[in-house]
PDB file of N, CA and C in Angstrom:
ATOM      1  N   MET A   1      57.369  72.473 136.883  1.00  0.00           N
ATOM      2  CA  MET A   1      58.733  72.060 137.157  1.00  0.00           C
ATOM      3  C   MET A   1      59.503  71.791 135.869  1.00  0.00           C
ATOM      4  N   LYS A   2      59.141  72.453 134.817  1.00  0.00           N
ATOM      5  CA  LYS A   2      59.866  72.296 133.569  1.00  0.00           C
ATOM      6  C   LYS A   2      61.293  72.799 133.691  1.00  0.00           C
ATOM      7  N   THR A   3      61.545  73.647 134.665  1.00  0.00           N
ATOM      8  CA  THR A   3      62.860  74.261 134.763  1.00  0.00           C
ATOM      9  C   THR A   3      63.954  73.257 135.058  1.00  0.00           C
ATOM     10  N   GLY A   4      63.701  72.231 135.886  1.00  0.00           N
ATOM     11  CA  GLY A   4      64.721  71.232 136.178  1.00  0.00           C
ATOM     12  C   GLY A   4      65.144  70.495 134.929  1.00  0.00           C
ATOM     13  N   PHE A   5      64.168  70.120 134.104  1.00  0.00           N
ATOM     14  CA  PHE A   5      64.448  69.423 132.860  1.00  0.00           C
ATOM     15  C   PHE A   5      65.181  70.351 131.906  1.00  0.00           C
ATOM     16  N   ALA A   6      64.732  71.590 131.846  1.00  0.00           N
ATOM     17  CA  ALA A   6      65.377  72.559 130.963  1.00  0.00           C
ATOM     18  C   ALA A   6      66.806  72.837 131.406  1.00  0.00           C
ATOM     19  N   LEU A   7      67.016  72.905 132.723  1.00  0.00           N
ATOM     20  CA  LEU A   7      68.372  73.124 133.220  1.00  0.00           C
ATOM     21  C   LEU A   7      69.291  71.968 132.866  1.00  0.00           C
ATOM     22  N   LEU A   8      68.778  70.740 132.966  1.00  0.00           N
ATOM     23  CA  LEU A   8      69.606  69.598 132.594  1.00  0.00           C
ATOM     24  C   LEU A   8      69.922  69.648 131.109  1.00  0.00           C
ATOM     25  N   LEU A   9      68.920  69.963 130.292  1.00  0.00           N
ATOM     26  CA  LEU A   9      69.170  70.047 128.856  1.00  0.00           C
ATOM     27  C   LEU A   9      70.230  71.098 128.556  1.00  0.00           C
ATOM     28  N   ALA A  10      70.163  72.218 129.252  1.00  0.00           N
ATOM     29  CA  ALA A  10      71.155  73.265 129.034  1.00  0.00           C
ATOM     30  C   ALA A  10      72.542  72.803 129.493  1.00  0.00           C
ATOM     31  N   SER A  11      72.581  72.071 130.586  1.00  0.00           N
ATOM     32  CA  SER A  11      73.887  71.633 131.096  1.00  0.00           C
ATOM     33  C   SER A  11      74.507  70.546 130.233  1.00  0.00           C
ATOM     34  N   LEU A  12      73.696  69.840 129.465  1.00  0.00           N
ATOM     35  CA  LEU A  12      74.232  68.788 128.611  1.00  0.00           C
ATOM     36  C   LEU A  12      75.162  69.354 127.543  1.00  0.00           C
ATOM     37  N   ALA A  13      74.958  70.620 127.212  1.00  0.00           N
ATOM     38  CA  ALA A  13      75.828  71.252 126.222  1.00  0.00           C
ATOM     39  C   ALA A  13      77.230  71.470 126.776  1.00  0.00           C
ATOM     40  N   ALA A  14      77.360  71.467 128.105  1.00  0.00           N
ATOM     41  CA  ALA A  14      78.649  71.725 128.742  1.00  0.00           C
ATOM     42  C   ALA A  14      79.277  70.458 129.303  1.00  0.00           C
ATOM     43  N   LEU A  15      79.054  69.328 128.674  1.00  0.00           N
ATOM     44  CA  LEU A  15      79.544  68.056 129.196  1.00  0.00           C
ATOM     45  C   LEU A  15      81.054  67.879 129.087  1.00  0.00           C
ATOM     46  N   ALA A  16      81.711  68.761 128.392  1.00  0.00           N
ATOM     47  CA  ALA A  16      83.149  68.581 128.186  1.00  0.00           C
ATOM     48  C   ALA A  16      83.935  68.663 129.489  1.00  0.00           C
ATOM     49  N   SER A  17      83.493  69.477 130.427  1.00  0.00           N
ATOM     50  CA  SER A  17      84.234  69.597 131.687  1.00  0.00           C
ATOM     51  C   SER A  17      83.353  69.168 132.847  1.00  0.00           C
ATOM     52  N   PRO A  18      83.796  68.191 133.638  1.00  0.00           N
ATOM     53  CA  PRO A  18      82.979  67.709 134.735  1.00  0.00           C
ATOM     54  C   PRO A  18      82.853  68.742 135.844  1.00  0.00           C
ATOM     55  N   PRO A  19      81.641  68.895 136.403  1.00  0.00           N
ATOM     56  CA  PRO A  19      81.477  69.832 137.493  1.00  0.00           C
ATOM     57  C   PRO A  19      82.176  69.332 138.749  1.00  0.00           C
ATOM     58  N   ALA A  20      82.658  70.243 139.557  1.00  0.00           N
ATOM     59  CA  ALA A  20      83.347  69.856 140.783  1.00  0.00           C
ATOM     60  C   ALA A  20      82.414  69.097 141.714  1.00  0.00           C
ATOM     61  N   ALA A  21      81.130  69.447 141.728  1.00  0.00           N
ATOM     62  CA  ALA A  21      80.171  68.787 142.622  1.00  0.00           C
ATOM     63  C   ALA A  21      80.009  67.312 142.281  1.00  0.00           C
ATOM     64  N   ALA A  22      80.227  66.939 141.028  1.00  0.00           N
ATOM     65  CA  ALA A  22      80.068  65.536 140.631  1.00  0.00           C
ATOM     66  C   ALA A  22      81.111  64.658 141.315  1.00  0.00           C
ATOM     67  N   GLN A  23      82.263  65.236 141.597  1.00  0.00           N
ATOM     68  CA  GLN A  23      83.308  64.460 142.251  1.00  0.00           C
ATOM     69  C   GLN A  23      82.942  64.157 143.706  1.00  0.00           C
ATOM     70  N   ASP A  24      82.107  65.007 144.304  1.00  0.00           N
ATOM     71  CA  ASP A  24      81.715  64.847 145.695  1.00  0.00           C
ATOM     72  C   ASP A  24      80.334  64.222 145.836  1.00  0.00           C
ATOM     73  N   ALA A  25      79.786  63.667 144.771  1.00  0.00           N
ATOM     74  CA  ALA A  25      78.438  63.106 144.810  1.00  0.00           C
ATOM     75  C   ALA A  25      78.377  61.939 145.786  1.00  0.00           C
ATOM     76  N   PRO A  26      77.313  61.884 146.588  1.00  0.00           N
ATOM     77  CA  PRO A  26      77.173  60.791 147.555  1.00  0.00           C
ATOM     78  C   PRO A  26      76.861  59.474 146.853  1.00  0.00           C
ATOM     79  N   GLN A  27      77.059  58.398 147.571  1.00  0.00           N
ATOM     80  CA  GLN A  27      76.738  57.080 147.034  1.00  0.00           C
ATOM     81  C   GLN A  27      75.221  56.947 146.936  1.00  0.00           C
ATOM     82  N   LEU A  28      74.754  56.454 145.834  1.00  0.00           N
ATOM     83  CA  LEU A  28      73.327  56.258 145.610  1.00  0.00           C
ATOM     84  C   LEU A  28      73.035  54.772 145.499  1.00  0.00           C
ATOM     85  N   SER A  29      71.813  54.392 145.847  1.00  0.00           N
ATOM     86  CA  SER A  29      71.413  52.996 145.682  1.00  0.00           C
ATOM     87  C   SER A  29      71.325  52.689 144.191  1.00  0.00           C
ATOM     88  N   LEU A  30      71.287  51.419 143.876  1.00  0.00           N
ATOM     89  CA  LEU A  30      71.170  51.001 142.481  1.00  0.00           C
ATOM     90  C   LEU A  30      69.877  51.539 141.868  1.00  0.00           C
ATOM     91  N   GLU A  31      68.793  51.490 142.637  1.00  0.00           N
ATOM     92  CA  GLU A  31      67.508  52.005 142.134  1.00  0.00           C
ATOM     93  C   GLU A  31      67.587  53.500 141.869  1.00  0.00           C
ATOM     94  N   HIS A  32      68.190  54.241 142.781  1.00  0.00           N
ATOM     95  CA  HIS A  32      68.314  55.689 142.586  1.00  0.00           C
ATOM     96  C   HIS A  32      69.163  55.995 141.363  1.00  0.00           C
ATOM     97  N   ARG A  33      70.262  55.281 141.230  1.00  0.00           N
ATOM     98  CA  ARG A  33      71.139  55.525 140.082  1.00  0.00           C
ATOM     99  C   ARG A  33      70.432  55.194 138.772  1.00  0.00           C
ATOM    100  N   MET A  34      69.653  54.099 138.779  1.00  0.00           N
ATOM    101  CA  MET A  34      68.905  53.734 137.570  1.00  0.00           C
ATOM    102  C   MET A  34      67.889  54.817 137.216  1.00  0.00           C
ATOM    103  N   ARG A  35      67.191  55.341 138.204  1.00  0.00           N
ATOM    104  CA  ARG A  35      66.206  56.392 137.948  1.00  0.00           C
ATOM    105  C   ARG A  35      66.881  57.644 137.383  1.00  0.00           C
ATOM    106  N   LEU A  36      68.022  57.987 137.937  1.00  0.00           N
ATOM    107  CA  LEU A  36      68.741  59.159 137.435  1.00  0.00           C
ATOM    108  C   LEU A  36      69.324  58.898 136.051  1.00  0.00           C
ATOM    109  N   ARG A  37      69.809  57.687 135.826  1.00  0.00           N
ATOM    110  CA  ARG A  37      70.357  57.340 134.509  1.00  0.00           C
ATOM    111  C   ARG A  37      69.258  57.423 133.449  1.00  0.00           C
ATOM    112  N   CYS A  38      68.099  56.875 133.761  1.00  0.00           N
ATOM    113  CA  CYS A  38      66.991  56.935 132.802  1.00  0.00           C
ATOM    114  C   CYS A  38      66.535  58.374 132.590  1.00  0.00           C
ATOM    115  N   SER A  39      66.501  59.158 133.658  1.00  0.00           N
ATOM    116  CA  SER A  39      66.138  60.570 133.517  1.00  0.00           C
ATOM    117  C   SER A  39      67.104  61.276 132.574  1.00  0.00           C
ATOM    118  N   ALA A  40      68.382  61.025 132.742  1.00  0.00           N
ATOM    119  CA  ALA A  40      69.388  61.624 131.865  1.00  0.00           C
ATOM    120  C   ALA A  40      69.234  61.114 130.435  1.00  0.00           C
ATOM    121  N   ALA A  41      68.954  59.830 130.293  1.00  0.00           N
ATOM    122  CA  ALA A  41      68.763  59.260 128.952  1.00  0.00           C
ATOM    123  C   ALA A  41      67.574  59.911 128.264  1.00  0.00           C
ATOM    124  N   PHE A  42      66.475  60.091 128.998  1.00  0.00           N
ATOM    125  CA  PHE A  42      65.300  60.728 128.411  1.00  0.00           C
ATOM    126  C   PHE A  42      65.599  62.170 128.015  1.00  0.00           C
ATOM    127  N   ALA A  43      66.368  62.875 128.835  1.00  0.00           N
ATOM    128  CA  ALA A  43      66.733  64.252 128.509  1.00  0.00           C
ATOM    129  C   ALA A  43      67.594  64.309 127.253  1.00  0.00           C
ATOM    130  N   LEU A  44      68.550  63.395 127.147  1.00  0.00           N
ATOM    131  CA  LEU A  44      69.405  63.358 125.959  1.00  0.00           C
ATOM    132  C   LEU A  44      68.602  63.063 124.697  1.00  0.00           C
ATOM    133  N   VAL A  45      67.713  62.084 124.781  1.00  0.00           N
ATOM    134  CA  VAL A  45      66.908  61.726 123.609  1.00  0.00           C
ATOM    135  C   VAL A  45      65.930  62.843 123.273  1.00  0.00           C
ATOM    136  N   ALA A  46      65.296  63.441 124.286  1.00  0.00           N
ATOM    137  CA  ALA A  46      64.357  64.538 124.032  1.00  0.00           C
ATOM    138  C   ALA A  46      65.067  65.709 123.362  1.00  0.00           C
ATOM    139  N   LYS A  47      66.267  65.998 123.823  1.00  0.00           N
ATOM    140  CA  LYS A  47      67.047  67.083 123.209  1.00  0.00           C
ATOM    141  C   LYS A  47      67.373  66.739 121.756  1.00  0.00           C
ATOM    142  N   ALA A  48      67.791  65.516 121.516  1.00  0.00           N
ATOM    143  CA  ALA A  48      68.104  65.096 120.141  1.00  0.00           C
ATOM    144  C   ALA A  48      66.855  65.133 119.265  1.00  0.00           C
ATOM    145  N   GLN A  49      65.720  64.721 119.821  1.00  0.00           N
ATOM    146  CA  GLN A  49      64.469  64.769 119.062  1.00  0.00           C
ATOM    147  C   GLN A  49      64.107  66.209 118.729  1.00  0.00           C
ATOM    148  N   GLN A  50      64.278  67.094 119.689  1.00  0.00           N
ATOM    149  CA  GLN A  50      63.979  68.506 119.481  1.00  0.00           C
ATOM    150  C   GLN A  50      64.855  69.090 118.376  1.00  0.00           C
ATOM    151  N   GLU A  51      66.093  68.604 118.296  1.00  0.00           N
ATOM    152  CA  GLU A  51      67.024  69.098 117.285  1.00  0.00           C
ATOM    153  C   GLU A  51      66.855  68.403 115.940  1.00  0.00           C
ATOM    154  N   GLY A  52      65.910  67.446 115.849  1.00  0.00           N
ATOM    155  CA  GLY A  52      65.637  66.774 114.589  1.00  0.00           C
ATOM    156  C   GLY A  52      66.540  65.598 114.284  1.00  0.00           C
ATOM    157  N   ASP A  53      67.230  65.081 115.264  1.00  0.00           N
ATOM    158  CA  ASP A  53      68.119  63.934 115.077  1.00  0.00           C
ATOM    159  C   ASP A  53      67.324  62.729 114.581  1.00  0.00           C
ATOM    160  N   VAL A  54      67.727  62.179 113.463  1.00  0.00           N
ATOM    161  CA  VAL A  54      67.014  61.066 112.838  1.00  0.00           C
ATOM    162  C   VAL A  54      67.035  59.821 113.722  1.00  0.00           C
ATOM    163  N   GLU A  55      68.165  59.516 114.330  1.00  0.00           N
ATOM    164  CA  GLU A  55      68.264  58.329 115.175  1.00  0.00           C
ATOM    165  C   GLU A  55      67.370  58.427 116.410  1.00  0.00           C
ATOM    166  N   ALA A  56      67.195  59.630 116.941  1.00  0.00           N
ATOM    167  CA  ALA A  56      66.362  59.823 118.129  1.00  0.00           C
ATOM    168  C   ALA A  56      64.886  59.594 117.822  1.00  0.00           C
ATOM    169  N   ARG A  57      64.519  59.698 116.571  1.00  0.00           N
ATOM    170  CA  ARG A  57      63.124  59.465 116.185  1.00  0.00           C
ATOM    171  C   ARG A  57      62.724  58.003 116.307  1.00  0.00           C
ATOM    172  N   ALA A  58      63.689  57.120 116.493  1.00  0.00           N
ATOM    173  CA  ALA A  58      63.393  55.701 116.685  1.00  0.00           C
ATOM    174  C   ALA A  58      62.701  55.468 118.018  1.00  0.00           C
ATOM    175  N   TYR A  59      62.808  56.426 118.924  1.00  0.00           N
ATOM    176  CA  TYR A  59      62.189  56.324 120.239  1.00  0.00           C
ATOM    177  C   TYR A  59      60.887  57.126 120.259  1.00  0.00           C
ATOM    178  N   PRO A  60      59.981  56.770 121.167  1.00  0.00           N
ATOM    179  CA  PRO A  60      58.757  57.566 121.281  1.00  0.00           C
ATOM    180  C   PRO A  60      59.095  58.991 121.717  1.00  0.00           C
ATOM    181  N   PRO A  61      58.235  59.946 121.420  1.00  0.00           N
ATOM    182  CA  PRO A  61      58.495  61.321 121.855  1.00  0.00           C
ATOM    183  C   PRO A  61      58.654  61.368 123.384  1.00  0.00           C
ATOM    184  N   LEU A  62      59.705  62.025 123.841  1.00  0.00           N
ATOM    185  CA  LEU A  62      60.005  62.030 125.275  1.00  0.00           C
ATOM    186  C   LEU A  62      59.960  63.408 125.915  1.00  0.00           C
ATOM    187  N   ALA A  63      59.572  64.421 125.173  1.00  0.00           N
ATOM    188  CA  ALA A  63      59.550  65.772 125.743  1.00  0.00           C
ATOM    189  C   ALA A  63      58.629  65.859 126.954  1.00  0.00           C
ATOM    190  N   GLU A  64      57.450  65.291 126.887  1.00  0.00           N
ATOM    191  CA  GLU A  64      56.509  65.404 128.001  1.00  0.00           C
ATOM    192  C   GLU A  64      56.666  64.283 129.014  1.00  0.00           C
ATOM    193  N   ARG A  65      56.537  63.037 128.570  1.00  0.00           N
ATOM    194  CA  ARG A  65      56.625  61.912 129.507  1.00  0.00           C
ATOM    195  C   ARG A  65      58.019  61.808 130.118  1.00  0.00           C
ATOM    196  N   GLY A  66      59.040  62.020 129.321  1.00  0.00           N
ATOM    197  CA  GLY A  66      60.406  61.966 129.830  1.00  0.00           C
ATOM    198  C   GLY A  66      60.670  63.054 130.849  1.00  0.00           C
ATOM    199  N   ARG A  67      60.144  64.252 130.582  1.00  0.00           N
ATOM    200  CA  ARG A  67      60.305  65.364 131.524  1.00  0.00           C
ATOM    201  C   ARG A  67      59.602  65.043 132.844  1.00  0.00           C
ATOM    202  N   GLU A  68      58.407  64.502 132.788  1.00  0.00           N
ATOM    203  CA  GLU A  68      57.680  64.172 134.017  1.00  0.00           C
ATOM    204  C   GLU A  68      58.415  63.086 134.804  1.00  0.00           C
ATOM    205  N   TYR A  69      58.939  62.085 134.116  1.00  0.00           N
ATOM    206  CA  TYR A  69      59.729  61.035 134.774  1.00  0.00           C
ATOM    207  C   TYR A  69      60.956  61.665 135.435  1.00  0.00           C
ATOM    208  N   PHE A  70      61.608  62.548 134.706  1.00  0.00           N
ATOM    209  CA  PHE A  70      62.791  63.246 135.205  1.00  0.00           C
ATOM    210  C   PHE A  70      62.470  63.999 136.491  1.00  0.00           C
ATOM    211  N   VAL A  71      61.410  64.785 136.485  1.00  0.00           N
ATOM    212  CA  VAL A  71      61.039  65.611 137.631  1.00  0.00           C
ATOM    213  C   VAL A  71      60.690  64.739 138.834  1.00  0.00           C
ATOM    214  N   ARG A  72      59.861  63.737 138.608  1.00  0.00           N
ATOM    215  CA  ARG A  72      59.457  62.859 139.711  1.00  0.00           C
ATOM    216  C   ARG A  72      60.644  62.073 140.261  1.00  0.00           C
ATOM    217  N   SER A  73      61.474  61.568 139.380  1.00  0.00           N
ATOM    218  CA  SER A  73      62.632  60.785 139.829  1.00  0.00           C
ATOM    219  C   SER A  73      63.597  61.638 140.631  1.00  0.00           C
ATOM    220  N   ALA A  74      63.870  62.834 140.136  1.00  0.00           N
ATOM    221  CA  ALA A  74      64.786  63.721 140.853  1.00  0.00           C
ATOM    222  C   ALA A  74      64.248  64.034 142.246  1.00  0.00           C
ATOM    223  N   ALA A  75      62.961  64.321 142.331  1.00  0.00           N
ATOM    224  CA  ALA A  75      62.358  64.632 143.632  1.00  0.00           C
ATOM    225  C   ALA A  75      62.400  63.426 144.566  1.00  0.00           C
ATOM    226  N   GLU A  76      62.099  62.245 144.039  1.00  0.00           N
ATOM    227  CA  GLU A  76      62.110  61.039 144.863  1.00  0.00           C
ATOM    228  C   GLU A  76      63.517  60.707 145.352  1.00  0.00           C
ATOM    229  N   VAL A  77      64.508  60.864 144.478  1.00  0.00           N
ATOM    230  CA  VAL A  77      65.885  60.582 144.881  1.00  0.00           C
ATOM    231  C   VAL A  77      66.342  61.610 145.912  1.00  0.00           C
ATOM    232  N   MET A  78      65.983  62.874 145.715  1.00  0.00           N
ATOM    233  CA  MET A  78      66.337  63.898 146.693  1.00  0.00           C
ATOM    234  C   MET A  78      65.776  63.545 148.062  1.00  0.00           C
ATOM    235  N   ASP A  79      64.506  63.179 148.108  1.00  0.00           N
ATOM    236  CA  ASP A  79      63.859  62.849 149.382  1.00  0.00           C
ATOM    237  C   ASP A  79      64.440  61.585 150.007  1.00  0.00           C
ATOM    238  N   ALA A  80      64.526  60.532 149.214  1.00  0.00           N
ATOM    239  CA  ALA A  80      64.950  59.235 149.748  1.00  0.00           C
ATOM    240  C   ALA A  80      66.416  59.217 150.155  1.00  0.00           C
ATOM    241  N   ALA A  81      67.260  59.887 149.384  1.00  0.00           N
ATOM    242  CA  ALA A  81      68.695  59.850 149.662  1.00  0.00           C
ATOM    243  C   ALA A  81      69.170  61.056 150.467  1.00  0.00           C
ATOM    244  N   GLY A  82      68.269  61.990 150.715  1.00  0.00           N
ATOM    245  CA  GLY A  82      68.649  63.168 151.483  1.00  0.00           C
ATOM    246  C   GLY A  82      69.604  64.091 150.754  1.00  0.00           C
ATOM    247  N   LEU A  83      69.407  64.236 149.461  1.00  0.00           N
ATOM    248  CA  LEU A  83      70.283  65.078 148.647  1.00  0.00           C
ATOM    249  C   LEU A  83      69.663  66.450 148.434  1.00  0.00           C
ATOM    250  N   ASP A  84      70.497  67.429 148.136  1.00  0.00           N
ATOM    251  CA  ASP A  84      69.973  68.732 147.750  1.00  0.00           C
ATOM    252  C   ASP A  84      69.953  68.817 146.217  1.00  0.00           C
ATOM    253  N   ARG A  85      69.434  69.913 145.712  1.00  0.00           N
ATOM    254  CA  ARG A  85      69.307  70.063 144.256  1.00  0.00           C
ATOM    255  C   ARG A  85      70.657  70.022 143.547  1.00  0.00           C
ATOM    256  N   ALA A  86      71.646  70.627 144.140  1.00  0.00           N
ATOM    257  CA  ALA A  86      72.976  70.643 143.515  1.00  0.00           C
ATOM    258  C   ALA A  86      73.545  69.231 143.397  1.00  0.00           C
ATOM    259  N   GLN A  87      73.355  68.418 144.423  1.00  0.00           N
ATOM    260  CA  GLN A  87      73.853  67.041 144.378  1.00  0.00           C
ATOM    261  C   GLN A  87      73.115  66.216 143.346  1.00  0.00           C
ATOM    262  N   VAL A  88      71.803  66.384 143.259  1.00  0.00           N
ATOM    263  CA  VAL A  88      71.027  65.645 142.254  1.00  0.00           C
ATOM    264  C   VAL A  88      71.417  66.117 140.861  1.00  0.00           C
ATOM    265  N   SER A  89      71.576  67.410 140.692  1.00  0.00           N
ATOM    266  CA  SER A  89      71.990  67.955 139.398  1.00  0.00           C
ATOM    267  C   SER A  89      73.349  67.403 138.976  1.00  0.00           C
ATOM    268  N   ALA A  90      74.273  67.337 139.920  1.00  0.00           N
ATOM    269  CA  ALA A  90      75.603  66.791 139.619  1.00  0.00           C
ATOM    270  C   ALA A  90      75.514  65.322 139.232  1.00  0.00           C
ATOM    271  N   ALA A  91      74.682  64.563 139.948  1.00  0.00           N
ATOM    272  CA  ALA A  91      74.525  63.140 139.629  1.00  0.00           C
ATOM    273  C   ALA A  91      73.885  62.965 138.258  1.00  0.00           C
ATOM    274  N   LEU A  92      72.889  63.777 137.939  1.00  0.00           N
ATOM    275  CA  LEU A  92      72.240  63.707 136.622  1.00  0.00           C
ATOM    276  C   LEU A  92      73.221  64.070 135.510  1.00  0.00           C
ATOM    277  N   THR A  93      74.003  65.091 135.739  1.00  0.00           N
ATOM    278  CA  THR A  93      74.988  65.502 134.742  1.00  0.00           C
ATOM    279  C   THR A  93      76.022  64.411 134.517  1.00  0.00           C
ATOM    280  N   GLU A  94      76.455  63.762 135.595  1.00  0.00           N
ATOM    281  CA  GLU A  94      77.423  62.675 135.463  1.00  0.00           C
ATOM    282  C   GLU A  94      76.822  61.502 134.687  1.00  0.00           C
ATOM    283  N   GLU A  95      75.575  61.173 134.982  1.00  0.00           N
ATOM    284  CA  GLU A  95      74.907  60.090 134.241  1.00  0.00           C
ATOM    285  C   GLU A  95      74.827  60.443 132.760  1.00  0.00           C
ATOM    286  N   ALA A  96      74.450  61.673 132.446  1.00  0.00           N
ATOM    287  CA  ALA A  96      74.355  62.104 131.047  1.00  0.00           C
ATOM    288  C   ALA A  96      75.715  62.042 130.368  1.00  0.00           C
ATOM    289  N   ARG A  97      76.752  62.427 131.085  1.00  0.00           N
ATOM    290  CA  ARG A  97      78.106  62.387 130.532  1.00  0.00           C
ATOM    291  C   ARG A  97      78.505  60.941 130.198  1.00  0.00           C
ATOM    292  N   GLU A  98      78.249  60.049 131.147  1.00  0.00           N
ATOM    293  CA  GLU A  98      78.589  58.643 130.915  1.00  0.00           C
ATOM    294  C   GLU A  98      77.813  58.072 129.730  1.00  0.00           C
ATOM    295  N   LEU A  99      76.545  58.425 129.627  1.00  0.00           N
ATOM    296  CA  LEU A  99      75.736  57.918 128.518  1.00  0.00           C
ATOM    297  C   LEU A  99      76.212  58.458 127.178  1.00  0.00           C
ATOM    298  N   SER A 100      76.546  59.726 127.134  1.00  0.00           N
ATOM    299  CA  SER A 100      76.948  60.319 125.856  1.00  0.00           C
ATOM    300  C   SER A 100      78.376  59.967 125.474  1.00  0.00           C
ATOM    301  N   GLN A 101      79.253  59.812 126.430  1.00  0.00           N
ATOM    302  CA  GLN A 101      80.640  59.496 126.110  1.00  0.00           C
ATOM    303  C   GLN A 101      80.863  58.007 125.897  1.00  0.00           C
ATOM    304  N   GLY A 102      80.102  57.188 126.578  1.00  0.00           N
ATOM    305  CA  GLY A 102      80.302  55.748 126.479  1.00  0.00           C
ATOM    306  C   GLY A 102      79.488  55.079 125.389  1.00  0.00           C
ATOM    307  N   ALA A 103      78.717  55.867 124.665  1.00  0.00           N
ATOM    308  CA  ALA A 103      77.873  55.320 123.599  1.00  0.00           C
ATOM    309  C   ALA A 103      76.974  54.203 124.119  1.00  0.00           C
ATOM    310  N   THR A 104      76.476  54.366 125.341  1.00  0.00           N
ATOM    311  CA  THR A 104      75.612  53.348 125.941  1.00  0.00           C
ATOM    312  C   THR A 104      74.150  53.756 125.944  1.00  0.00           C
ATOM    313  N   LEU A 105      73.835  54.887 125.382  1.00  0.00           N
ATOM    314  CA  LEU A 105      72.460  55.373 125.389  1.00  0.00           C
ATOM    315  C   LEU A 105      71.508  54.354 124.766  1.00  0.00           C
ATOM    316  N   ASP A 106      71.865  53.828 123.613  1.00  0.00           N
ATOM    317  CA  ASP A 106      70.994  52.842 122.956  1.00  0.00           C
ATOM    318  C   ASP A 106      70.869  51.554 123.762  1.00  0.00           C
ATOM    319  N   GLN A 107      71.855  51.246 124.574  1.00  0.00           N
ATOM    320  CA  GLN A 107      71.794  50.038 125.396  1.00  0.00           C
ATOM    321  C   GLN A 107      70.845  50.200 126.576  1.00  0.00           C
ATOM    322  N   VAL A 108      70.760  51.390 127.163  1.00  0.00           N
ATOM    323  CA  VAL A 108      69.900  51.581 128.329  1.00  0.00           C
ATOM    324  C   VAL A 108      68.477  51.970 127.972  1.00  0.00           C
ATOM    325  N   MET A 109      68.255  52.462 126.785  1.00  0.00           N
ATOM    326  CA  MET A 109      66.918  52.950 126.436  1.00  0.00           C
ATOM    327  C   MET A 109      65.823  51.880 126.533  1.00  0.00           C
ATOM    328  N   PRO A 110      66.049  50.634 126.121  1.00  0.00           N
ATOM    329  CA  PRO A 110      64.965  49.649 126.272  1.00  0.00           C
ATOM    330  C   PRO A 110      64.538  49.465 127.734  1.00  0.00           C
ATOM    331  N   VAL A 111      65.491  49.396 128.634  1.00  0.00           N
ATOM    332  CA  VAL A 111      65.179  49.260 130.061  1.00  0.00           C
ATOM    333  C   VAL A 111      64.493  50.520 130.568  1.00  0.00           C
ATOM    334  N   CYS A 112      64.995  51.668 130.163  1.00  0.00           N
ATOM    335  CA  CYS A 112      64.418  52.930 130.612  1.00  0.00           C
ATOM    336  C   CYS A 112      63.000  53.127 130.073  1.00  0.00           C
ATOM    337  N   LEU A 113      62.764  52.739 128.845  1.00  0.00           N
ATOM    338  CA  LEU A 113      61.406  52.855 128.301  1.00  0.00           C
ATOM    339  C   LEU A 113      60.433  51.944 129.048  1.00  0.00           C
ATOM    340  N   ARG A 114      60.910  50.768 129.464  1.00  0.00           N
ATOM    341  CA  ARG A 114      60.055  49.888 130.291  1.00  0.00           C
ATOM    342  C   ARG A 114      59.777  50.555 131.637  1.00  0.00           C
ATOM    343  N   ALA A 115      60.801  51.169 132.214  1.00  0.00           N
ATOM    344  CA  ALA A 115      60.610  51.858 133.494  1.00  0.00           C
ATOM    345  C   ALA A 115      59.624  53.028 133.336  1.00  0.00           C
ATOM    346  N   LEU A 116      59.699  53.714 132.216  1.00  0.00           N
ATOM    347  CA  LEU A 116      58.765  54.802 131.948  1.00  0.00           C
ATOM    348  C   LEU A 116      57.337  54.273 131.843  1.00  0.00           C
ATOM    349  N   ASP A 117      57.162  53.179 131.111  1.00  0.00           N
ATOM    350  CA  ASP A 117      55.834  52.574 130.997  1.00  0.00           C
ATOM    351  C   ASP A 117      55.338  52.080 132.351  1.00  0.00           C
ATOM    352  N   ASP A 118      56.224  51.459 133.124  1.00  0.00           N
ATOM    353  CA  ASP A 118      55.849  50.943 134.451  1.00  0.00           C
ATOM    354  C   ASP A 118      55.480  52.065 135.413  1.00  0.00           C
ATOM    355  N   SER A 119      55.997  53.247 135.172  1.00  0.00           N
ATOM    356  CA  SER A 119      55.715  54.381 136.066  1.00  0.00           C
ATOM    357  C   SER A 119      54.286  54.890 135.903  1.00  0.00           C
ATOM    358  N   GLY A 120      53.638  54.512 134.814  1.00  0.00           N
ATOM    359  CA  GLY A 120      52.284  54.960 134.564  1.00  0.00           C
ATOM    360  C   GLY A 120      52.181  56.335 133.934  1.00  0.00           C
ATOM    361  N   LEU A 121      53.301  56.897 133.537  1.00  0.00           N
ATOM    362  CA  LEU A 121      53.292  58.223 132.914  1.00  0.00           C
ATOM    363  C   LEU A 121      53.008  58.122 131.435  1.00  0.00           C
TER     364      LEU A 121
END
């Protein structure tokens, strides 16, 4: 299931224009939104690490563990909230946009790293 993570990484390059599906995204629980936010945060950091970003090196490598968290979280949110892939993708893209535009990535990473550790991955 590397493709879901790879697709999100590819879509992060197109964050300048919001997808139409993001405007129609269903309401998610706080837990679901947190899981998607952390998944997006891990994707952003993994991409930055892959590109050699010095600041991203402050975090543990996230290519493997972050991808697995991303895949599992997306599947769990799809099942629990009754969403399809397009809706989950739109929600993930919106979370990534908010993290990258609001400069909040460093603020959420400590919580997300704890969630990653708690997940057992």
